[in-house]
Amino acid sequence: MGNRLPLQALALMASVGSSILLPAATWAGTIGANEPVGFGPTVVSSYCDLSTGAGSLGVAKNRNLITSDVGESGPFSGSLSPGTISAASNLSNTGALVVDAPTLTGGPTAATTSQLRLGTGTWATSGMVNLGSDGSLSATNVHVKFQTTNNNNKFENGTYLASATVTCTDNGTK
Protein backbone atom coordinates (compact mmCIF):
# COMPACT_ATOMS: atom_id res chain seq x y z
CA MET A 1 0.00 0.00 0.00
CA GLY A 2 2.98 2.27 0.34
CA ASN A 3 2.52 5.86 1.41
CA ARG A 4 -1.13 6.26 0.73
CA LEU A 5 -3.46 8.10 3.00
CA PRO A 6 -5.80 5.95 5.08
CA LEU A 7 -8.87 6.84 2.98
CA GLN A 8 -7.04 6.00 -0.22
CA ALA A 9 -6.01 2.66 1.25
CA LEU A 10 -9.59 1.96 2.26
CA ALA A 11 -10.84 2.76 -1.22
CA LEU A 12 -8.15 0.59 -2.78
CA MET A 13 -8.97 -2.34 -0.52
CA ALA A 14 -12.65 -2.01 -1.26
CA SER A 15 -12.16 -2.11 -4.98
CA VAL A 16 -9.51 -4.85 -5.09
CA GLY A 17 -10.57 -7.14 -2.26
CA SER A 18 -13.41 -9.56 -2.21
CA SER A 19 -15.04 -7.99 0.81
CA ILE A 20 -15.93 -4.39 1.56
CA LEU A 21 -14.32 -2.82 4.55
CA LEU A 22 -16.37 -0.29 6.47
CA PRO A 23 -15.10 1.87 9.26
CA ALA A 24 -16.64 0.86 12.61
CA ALA A 25 -17.97 3.43 15.08
CA THR A 26 -16.88 3.02 18.63
CA TRP A 27 -18.95 4.24 21.59
CA ALA A 28 -17.67 5.26 24.98
CA GLY A 29 -18.90 3.05 27.75
CA THR A 30 -20.83 4.40 30.75
CA ILE A 31 -18.76 4.40 33.86
CA GLY A 32 -20.50 5.04 37.18
CA ALA A 33 -24.04 6.20 37.94
CA ASN A 34 -25.85 8.92 36.05
CA GLU A 35 -26.77 12.11 37.90
CA PRO A 36 -29.62 14.53 37.09
CA VAL A 37 -29.08 18.30 37.00
CA GLY A 38 -31.66 19.77 39.36
CA PHE A 39 -33.30 23.20 39.21
CA GLY A 40 -35.02 24.91 42.12
CA PRO A 41 -38.73 25.67 41.98
CA THR A 42 -40.22 28.92 40.77
CA VAL A 43 -43.53 30.44 41.69
CA VAL A 44 -45.55 31.99 38.90
CA SER A 45 -48.03 34.51 40.17
CA SER A 46 -49.68 37.72 39.14
CA TYR A 47 -48.99 40.88 41.06
CA CYS A 48 -50.64 44.25 41.06
CA ASP A 49 -49.40 47.08 43.24
CA LEU A 50 -52.11 49.67 43.83
CA SER A 51 -51.50 53.23 44.90
CA THR A 52 -54.30 55.47 46.08
CA GLY A 53 -54.44 59.11 46.98
CA ALA A 54 -57.12 60.66 49.17
CA GLY A 55 -59.53 63.25 47.85
CA SER A 56 -61.63 65.70 49.82
CA LEU A 57 -65.35 66.35 50.02
CA GLY A 58 -67.53 69.40 50.00
CA VAL A 59 -71.23 69.91 50.53
CA ALA A 60 -73.56 71.99 48.40
CA LYS A 61 -74.90 75.10 50.11
CA ASN A 62 -78.43 73.63 50.11
CA ARG A 63 -76.98 70.41 51.65
CA ASN A 64 -78.53 68.04 49.08
CA LEU A 65 -75.19 67.00 47.55
CA ILE A 66 -71.85 65.84 48.96
CA THR A 67 -69.14 65.47 46.32
CA SER A 68 -65.46 65.71 45.44
CA ASP A 69 -66.16 67.21 42.00
CA VAL A 70 -65.98 71.00 41.57
CA GLY A 71 -67.74 70.52 38.22
CA GLU A 72 -71.04 69.85 39.99
CA SER A 73 -73.42 72.77 40.50
CA GLY A 74 -72.67 74.56 43.75
CA PRO A 75 -71.77 76.70 45.58
CA PHE A 76 -69.99 74.37 47.99
CA SER A 77 -68.44 74.58 51.38
CA GLY A 78 -65.29 72.52 51.78
CA SER A 79 -62.29 71.88 49.60
CA LEU A 80 -63.33 69.59 46.77
CA SER A 81 -60.68 67.41 45.12
CA PRO A 82 -60.63 63.95 43.51
CA GLY A 83 -58.98 60.89 44.92
CA THR A 84 -56.52 59.06 42.67
CA ILE A 85 -55.71 55.47 41.77
CA SER A 86 -52.71 54.03 39.94
CA ALA A 87 -51.26 50.57 39.44
CA ALA A 88 -48.14 48.69 38.42
CA SER A 89 -48.44 44.99 37.61
CA ASN A 90 -47.21 42.10 35.52
CA LEU A 91 -50.64 41.89 33.93
CA SER A 92 -51.11 43.07 30.38
CA ASN A 93 -53.97 45.12 28.99
CA THR A 94 -56.31 42.27 30.02
CA GLY A 95 -55.91 43.49 33.61
CA ALA A 96 -58.21 46.11 35.06
CA LEU A 97 -58.99 48.07 38.19
CA VAL A 98 -62.55 47.61 39.40
CA VAL A 99 -63.93 50.29 41.71
CA ASP A 100 -66.95 49.40 43.85
CA ALA A 101 -69.78 51.79 44.57
CA PRO A 102 -68.66 54.50 46.98
CA THR A 103 -69.96 54.55 50.52
CA LEU A 104 -70.74 57.53 52.72
CA THR A 105 -70.37 57.05 56.46
CA GLY A 106 -70.15 59.06 59.66
CA GLY A 107 -73.01 61.50 59.37
CA PRO A 108 -76.58 60.96 60.54
CA THR A 109 -78.19 61.08 57.06
CA ALA A 110 -77.86 58.15 54.69
CA ALA A 111 -77.15 58.72 51.02
CA THR A 112 -79.82 57.38 48.69
CA THR A 113 -77.66 57.87 45.58
CA SER A 114 -73.95 56.96 45.55
CA GLN A 115 -71.94 57.41 42.35
CA LEU A 116 -68.37 57.66 41.15
CA ARG A 117 -66.59 58.85 38.05
CA LEU A 118 -63.20 57.59 36.85
CA GLY A 119 -61.07 60.10 34.94
CA THR A 120 -63.30 62.03 32.56
CA GLY A 121 -65.85 59.21 32.29
CA THR A 122 -69.52 59.39 33.19
CA TRP A 123 -71.11 59.00 36.63
CA ALA A 124 -71.94 55.39 37.53
CA THR A 125 -72.56 53.24 40.59
CA SER A 126 -69.22 51.45 40.02
CA GLY A 127 -66.41 51.63 37.53
CA MET A 128 -63.63 49.84 35.73
CA VAL A 129 -60.50 51.05 33.98
CA ASN A 130 -58.24 48.81 31.89
CA LEU A 131 -54.52 48.61 32.51
CA GLY A 132 -52.12 49.58 29.74
CA SER A 133 -50.25 47.07 27.59
CA ASP A 134 -47.39 47.20 30.12
CA GLY A 135 -49.80 46.34 32.97
CA SER A 136 -49.76 49.82 34.49
CA LEU A 137 -52.19 52.66 35.04
CA SER A 138 -50.97 56.20 35.61
CA ALA A 139 -52.67 58.32 38.27
CA THR A 140 -56.36 58.51 37.42
CA ASN A 141 -58.88 60.75 39.18
CA VAL A 142 -61.74 59.21 41.13
CA HIS A 143 -64.67 61.49 41.96
CA VAL A 144 -67.60 60.60 44.22
CA LYS A 145 -71.00 62.17 44.77
CA PHE A 146 -73.83 61.43 47.13
CA GLN A 147 -77.43 62.65 47.24
CA THR A 148 -80.24 61.96 49.67
CA THR A 149 -84.01 61.92 49.60
CA ASN A 150 -84.05 61.64 53.40
CA ASN A 151 -84.51 64.56 55.81
CA ASN A 152 -86.30 66.73 53.23
CA ASN A 153 -83.56 66.01 50.65
CA LYS A 154 -80.85 67.45 52.89
CA PHE A 155 -77.87 65.96 54.69
CA GLU A 156 -78.11 66.70 58.42
CA ASN A 157 -75.23 68.37 60.20
CA GLY A 158 -72.38 65.96 60.88
CA THR A 159 -69.01 64.76 59.71
CA TYR A 160 -69.23 62.59 56.61
CA LEU A 161 -66.53 60.35 55.17
CA ALA A 162 -66.49 58.63 51.79
CA SER A 163 -64.59 55.65 50.42
CA ALA A 164 -64.57 53.36 47.41
CA THR A 165 -62.85 49.98 47.28
CA VAL A 166 -60.45 49.36 44.38
CA THR A 167 -59.58 45.83 43.26
CA CYS A 168 -56.99 44.82 40.66
CA THR A 169 -58.10 41.91 38.48
CA ASP A 170 -56.50 39.99 35.64
CA ASN A 171 -59.62 40.09 33.48
CA GLY A 172 -61.89 42.91 34.69
CA THR A 173 -64.11 40.70 36.85
CA LYS A 174 -63.96 40.05 40.57
C-alpha atoms as a PDB file:
ATOM      1  CA  MET A   1       0.000   0.000   0.000  1.00  0.00           C
ATOM      2  CA  GLY A   2       2.982   2.266   0.342  1.00  0.00           C
ATOM      3  CA  ASN A   3       2.520   5.859   1.411  1.00  0.00           C
ATOM      4  CA  ARG A   4      -1.129   6.261   0.727  1.00  0.00           C
ATOM      5  CA  LEU A   5      -3.458   8.101   2.997  1.00  0.00           C
ATOM      6  CA  PRO A   6      -5.797   5.945   5.078  1.00  0.00           C
ATOM      7  CA  LEU A   7      -8.867   6.843   2.978  1.00  0.00           C
ATOM      8  CA  GLN A   8      -7.036   6.002  -0.223  1.00  0.00           C
ATOM      9  CA  ALA A   9      -6.009   2.661   1.253  1.00  0.00           C
ATOM     10  CA  LEU A  10      -9.595   1.962   2.257  1.00  0.00           C
ATOM     11  CA  ALA A  11     -10.843   2.763  -1.222  1.00  0.00           C
ATOM     12  CA  LEU A  12      -8.151   0.588  -2.779  1.00  0.00           C
ATOM     13  CA  MET A  13      -8.971  -2.336  -0.522  1.00  0.00           C
ATOM     14  CA  ALA A  14     -12.649  -2.013  -1.256  1.00  0.00           C
ATOM     15  CA  SER A  15     -12.157  -2.109  -4.980  1.00  0.00           C
ATOM     16  CA  VAL A  16      -9.512  -4.848  -5.089  1.00  0.00           C
ATOM     17  CA  GLY A  17     -10.568  -7.140  -2.262  1.00  0.00           C
ATOM     18  CA  SER A  18     -13.405  -9.560  -2.214  1.00  0.00           C
ATOM     19  CA  SER A  19     -15.039  -7.991   0.809  1.00  0.00           C
ATOM     20  CA  ILE A  20     -15.932  -4.392   1.561  1.00  0.00           C
ATOM     21  CA  LEU A  21     -14.320  -2.819   4.552  1.00  0.00           C
ATOM     22  CA  LEU A  22     -16.373  -0.287   6.468  1.00  0.00           C
ATOM     23  CA  PRO A  23     -15.098   1.865   9.264  1.00  0.00           C
ATOM     24  CA  ALA A  24     -16.645   0.859  12.606  1.00  0.00           C
ATOM     25  CA  ALA A  25     -17.967   3.434  15.084  1.00  0.00           C
ATOM     26  CA  THR A  26     -16.881   3.016  18.629  1.00  0.00           C
ATOM     27  CA  TRP A  27     -18.946   4.242  21.587  1.00  0.00           C
ATOM     28  CA  ALA A  28     -17.670   5.260  24.975  1.00  0.00           C
ATOM     29  CA  GLY A  29     -18.903   3.047  27.750  1.00  0.00           C
ATOM     30  CA  THR A  30     -20.835   4.396  30.754  1.00  0.00           C
ATOM     31  CA  ILE A  31     -18.759   4.402  33.863  1.00  0.00           C
ATOM     32  CA  GLY A  32     -20.497   5.036  37.175  1.00  0.00           C
ATOM     33  CA  ALA A  33     -24.040   6.198  37.938  1.00  0.00           C
ATOM     34  CA  ASN A  34     -25.847   8.916  36.048  1.00  0.00           C
ATOM     35  CA  GLU A  35     -26.770  12.110  37.897  1.00  0.00           C
ATOM     36  CA  PRO A  36     -29.618  14.533  37.089  1.00  0.00           C
ATOM     37  CA  VAL A  37     -29.075  18.295  36.997  1.00  0.00           C
ATOM     38  CA  GLY A  38     -31.661  19.771  39.360  1.00  0.00           C
ATOM     39  CA  PHE A  39     -33.304  23.201  39.206  1.00  0.00           C
ATOM     40  CA  GLY A  40     -35.021  24.910  42.120  1.00  0.00           C
ATOM     41  CA  PRO A  41     -38.726  25.666  41.980  1.00  0.00           C
ATOM     42  CA  THR A  42     -40.215  28.920  40.765  1.00  0.00           C
ATOM     43  CA  VAL A  43     -43.527  30.443  41.690  1.00  0.00           C
ATOM     44  CA  VAL A  44     -45.547  31.988  38.904  1.00  0.00           C
ATOM     45  CA  SER A  45     -48.031  34.513  40.166  1.00  0.00           C
ATOM     46  CA  SER A  46     -49.681  37.719  39.145  1.00  0.00           C
ATOM     47  CA  TYR A  47     -48.989  40.880  41.055  1.00  0.00           C
ATOM     48  CA  CYS A  48     -50.641  44.251  41.056  1.00  0.00           C
ATOM     49  CA  ASP A  49     -49.403  47.084  43.239  1.00  0.00           C
ATOM     50  CA  LEU A  50     -52.108  49.668  43.831  1.00  0.00           C
ATOM     51  CA  SER A  51     -51.503  53.232  44.898  1.00  0.00           C
ATOM     52  CA  THR A  52     -54.303  55.470  46.075  1.00  0.00           C
ATOM     53  CA  GLY A  53     -54.437  59.112  46.980  1.00  0.00           C
ATOM     54  CA  ALA A  54     -57.121  60.657  49.175  1.00  0.00           C
ATOM     55  CA  GLY A  55     -59.528  63.250  47.854  1.00  0.00           C
ATOM     56  CA  SER A  56     -61.630  65.700  49.818  1.00  0.00           C
ATOM     57  CA  LEU A  57     -65.351  66.347  50.021  1.00  0.00           C
ATOM     58  CA  GLY A  58     -67.531  69.396  50.004  1.00  0.00           C
ATOM     59  CA  VAL A  59     -71.226  69.906  50.530  1.00  0.00           C
ATOM     60  CA  ALA A  60     -73.563  71.990  48.399  1.00  0.00           C
ATOM     61  CA  LYS A  61     -74.903  75.101  50.111  1.00  0.00           C
ATOM     62  CA  ASN A  62     -78.435  73.628  50.110  1.00  0.00           C
ATOM     63  CA  ARG A  63     -76.985  70.414  51.650  1.00  0.00           C
ATOM     64  CA  ASN A  64     -78.526  68.045  49.078  1.00  0.00           C
ATOM     65  CA  LEU A  65     -75.194  66.999  47.546  1.00  0.00           C
ATOM     66  CA  ILE A  66     -71.855  65.840  48.955  1.00  0.00           C
ATOM     67  CA  THR A  67     -69.144  65.474  46.322  1.00  0.00           C
ATOM     68  CA  SER A  68     -65.464  65.711  45.445  1.00  0.00           C
ATOM     69  CA  ASP A  69     -66.164  67.207  41.998  1.00  0.00           C
ATOM     70  CA  VAL A  70     -65.978  71.001  41.570  1.00  0.00           C
ATOM     71  CA  GLY A  71     -67.740  70.521  38.219  1.00  0.00           C
ATOM     72  CA  GLU A  72     -71.045  69.845  39.991  1.00  0.00           C
ATOM     73  CA  SER A  73     -73.423  72.766  40.501  1.00  0.00           C
ATOM     74  CA  GLY A  74     -72.667  74.558  43.750  1.00  0.00           C
ATOM     75  CA  PRO A  75     -71.770  76.698  45.575  1.00  0.00           C
ATOM     76  CA  PHE A  76     -69.993  74.371  47.992  1.00  0.00           C
ATOM     77  CA  SER A  77     -68.436  74.579  51.381  1.00  0.00           C
ATOM     78  CA  GLY A  78     -65.292  72.518  51.777  1.00  0.00           C
ATOM     79  CA  SER A  79     -62.291  71.884  49.600  1.00  0.00           C
ATOM     80  CA  LEU A  80     -63.331  69.588  46.771  1.00  0.00           C
ATOM     81  CA  SER A  81     -60.677  67.409  45.124  1.00  0.00           C
ATOM     82  CA  PRO A  82     -60.629  63.950  43.510  1.00  0.00           C
ATOM     83  CA  GLY A  83     -58.985  60.890  44.924  1.00  0.00           C
ATOM     84  CA  THR A  84     -56.522  59.059  42.668  1.00  0.00           C
ATOM     85  CA  ILE A  85     -55.712  55.473  41.771  1.00  0.00           C
ATOM     86  CA  SER A  86     -52.713  54.032  39.936  1.00  0.00           C
ATOM     87  CA  ALA A  87     -51.263  50.570  39.442  1.00  0.00           C
ATOM     88  CA  ALA A  88     -48.136  48.686  38.421  1.00  0.00           C
ATOM     89  CA  SER A  89     -48.444  44.988  37.610  1.00  0.00           C
ATOM     90  CA  ASN A  90     -47.205  42.097  35.524  1.00  0.00           C
ATOM     91  CA  LEU A  91     -50.641  41.891  33.926  1.00  0.00           C
ATOM     92  CA  SER A  92     -51.114  43.073  30.376  1.00  0.00           C
ATOM     93  CA  ASN A  93     -53.968  45.121  28.989  1.00  0.00           C
ATOM     94  CA  THR A  94     -56.307  42.275  30.016  1.00  0.00           C
ATOM     95  CA  GLY A  95     -55.907  43.493  33.613  1.00  0.00           C
ATOM     96  CA  ALA A  96     -58.210  46.114  35.062  1.00  0.00           C
ATOM     97  CA  LEU A  97     -58.988  48.074  38.186  1.00  0.00           C
ATOM     98  CA  VAL A  98     -62.551  47.610  39.401  1.00  0.00           C
ATOM     99  CA  VAL A  99     -63.933  50.289  41.713  1.00  0.00           C
ATOM    100  CA  ASP A 100     -66.950  49.401  43.852  1.00  0.00           C
ATOM    101  CA  ALA A 101     -69.776  51.792  44.573  1.00  0.00           C
ATOM    102  CA  PRO A 102     -68.663  54.501  46.981  1.00  0.00           C
ATOM    103  CA  THR A 103     -69.964  54.549  50.525  1.00  0.00           C
ATOM    104  CA  LEU A 104     -70.743  57.529  52.722  1.00  0.00           C
ATOM    105  CA  THR A 105     -70.366  57.048  56.462  1.00  0.00           C
ATOM    106  CA  GLY A 106     -70.147  59.058  59.660  1.00  0.00           C
ATOM    107  CA  GLY A 107     -73.011  61.502  59.374  1.00  0.00           C
ATOM    108  CA  PRO A 108     -76.578  60.957  60.541  1.00  0.00           C
ATOM    109  CA  THR A 109     -78.190  61.075  57.061  1.00  0.00           C
ATOM    110  CA  ALA A 110     -77.863  58.145  54.690  1.00  0.00           C
ATOM    111  CA  ALA A 111     -77.151  58.719  51.022  1.00  0.00           C
ATOM    112  CA  THR A 112     -79.820  57.380  48.688  1.00  0.00           C
ATOM    113  CA  THR A 113     -77.657  57.870  45.578  1.00  0.00           C
ATOM    114  CA  SER A 114     -73.951  56.960  45.549  1.00  0.00           C
ATOM    115  CA  GLN A 115     -71.939  57.411  42.354  1.00  0.00           C
ATOM    116  CA  LEU A 116     -68.374  57.660  41.150  1.00  0.00           C
ATOM    117  CA  ARG A 117     -66.587  58.852  38.053  1.00  0.00           C
ATOM    118  CA  LEU A 118     -63.201  57.591  36.849  1.00  0.00           C
ATOM    119  CA  GLY A 119     -61.071  60.097  34.940  1.00  0.00           C
ATOM    120  CA  THR A 120     -63.299  62.030  32.563  1.00  0.00           C
ATOM    121  CA  GLY A 121     -65.849  59.210  32.293  1.00  0.00           C
ATOM    122  CA  THR A 122     -69.520  59.390  33.191  1.00  0.00           C
ATOM    123  CA  TRP A 123     -71.110  59.001  36.626  1.00  0.00           C
ATOM    124  CA  ALA A 124     -71.940  55.392  37.525  1.00  0.00           C
ATOM    125  CA  THR A 125     -72.562  53.242  40.588  1.00  0.00           C
ATOM    126  CA  SER A 126     -69.222  51.447  40.024  1.00  0.00           C
ATOM    127  CA  GLY A 127     -66.412  51.634  37.533  1.00  0.00           C
ATOM    128  CA  MET A 128     -63.628  49.843  35.733  1.00  0.00           C
ATOM    129  CA  VAL A 129     -60.503  51.051  33.975  1.00  0.00           C
ATOM    130  CA  ASN A 130     -58.237  48.807  31.891  1.00  0.00           C
ATOM    131  CA  LEU A 131     -54.522  48.609  32.510  1.00  0.00           C
ATOM    132  CA  GLY A 132     -52.123  49.580  29.737  1.00  0.00           C
ATOM    133  CA  SER A 133     -50.254  47.069  27.587  1.00  0.00           C
ATOM    134  CA  ASP A 134     -47.390  47.199  30.118  1.00  0.00           C
ATOM    135  CA  GLY A 135     -49.795  46.344  32.966  1.00  0.00           C
ATOM    136  CA  SER A 136     -49.763  49.818  34.486  1.00  0.00           C
ATOM    137  CA  LEU A 137     -52.185  52.661  35.045  1.00  0.00           C
ATOM    138  CA  SER A 138     -50.974  56.198  35.611  1.00  0.00           C
ATOM    139  CA  ALA A 139     -52.667  58.316  38.269  1.00  0.00           C
ATOM    140  CA  THR A 140     -56.359  58.506  37.423  1.00  0.00           C
ATOM    141  CA  ASN A 141     -58.879  60.755  39.178  1.00  0.00           C
ATOM    142  CA  VAL A 142     -61.739  59.213  41.131  1.00  0.00           C
ATOM    143  CA  HIS A 143     -64.673  61.488  41.961  1.00  0.00           C
ATOM    144  CA  VAL A 144     -67.600  60.597  44.223  1.00  0.00           C
ATOM    145  CA  LYS A 145     -71.000  62.168  44.768  1.00  0.00           C
ATOM    146  CA  PHE A 146     -73.835  61.427  47.125  1.00  0.00           C
ATOM    147  CA  GLN A 147     -77.426  62.648  47.243  1.00  0.00           C
ATOM    148  CA  THR A 148     -80.237  61.958  49.671  1.00  0.00           C
ATOM    149  CA  THR A 149     -84.014  61.917  49.604  1.00  0.00           C
ATOM    150  CA  ASN A 150     -84.047  61.636  53.403  1.00  0.00           C
ATOM    151  CA  ASN A 151     -84.514  64.561  55.811  1.00  0.00           C
ATOM    152  CA  ASN A 152     -86.304  66.730  53.226  1.00  0.00           C
ATOM    153  CA  ASN A 153     -83.561  66.011  50.653  1.00  0.00           C
ATOM    154  CA  LYS A 154     -80.845  67.452  52.894  1.00  0.00           C
ATOM    155  CA  PHE A 155     -77.867  65.963  54.685  1.00  0.00           C
ATOM    156  CA  GLU A 156     -78.111  66.696  58.417  1.00  0.00           C
ATOM    157  CA  ASN A 157     -75.232  68.368  60.198  1.00  0.00           C
ATOM    158  CA  GLY A 158     -72.383  65.958  60.885  1.00  0.00           C
ATOM    159  CA  THR A 159     -69.013  64.762  59.706  1.00  0.00           C
ATOM    160  CA  TYR A 160     -69.232  62.587  56.610  1.00  0.00           C
ATOM    161  CA  LEU A 161     -66.530  60.350  55.171  1.00  0.00           C
ATOM    162  CA  ALA A 162     -66.490  58.630  51.785  1.00  0.00           C
ATOM    163  CA  SER A 163     -64.589  55.652  50.422  1.00  0.00           C
ATOM    164  CA  ALA A 164     -64.573  53.361  47.409  1.00  0.00           C
ATOM    165  CA  THR A 165     -62.851  49.975  47.277  1.00  0.00           C
ATOM    166  CA  VAL A 166     -60.452  49.363  44.378  1.00  0.00           C
ATOM    167  CA  THR A 167     -59.575  45.833  43.257  1.00  0.00           C
ATOM    168  CA  CYS A 168     -56.992  44.822  40.664  1.00  0.00           C
ATOM    169  CA  THR A 169     -58.097  41.909  38.483  1.00  0.00           C
ATOM    170  CA  ASP A 170     -56.496  39.990  35.644  1.00  0.00           C
ATOM    171  CA  ASN A 171     -59.619  40.091  33.476  1.00  0.00           C
ATOM    172  CA  GLY A 172     -61.888  42.905  34.694  1.00  0.00           C
ATOM    173  CA  THR A 173     -64.109  40.696  36.850  1.00  0.00           C
ATOM    174  CA  LYS A 174     -63.959  40.054  40.572  1.00  0.00           C
END
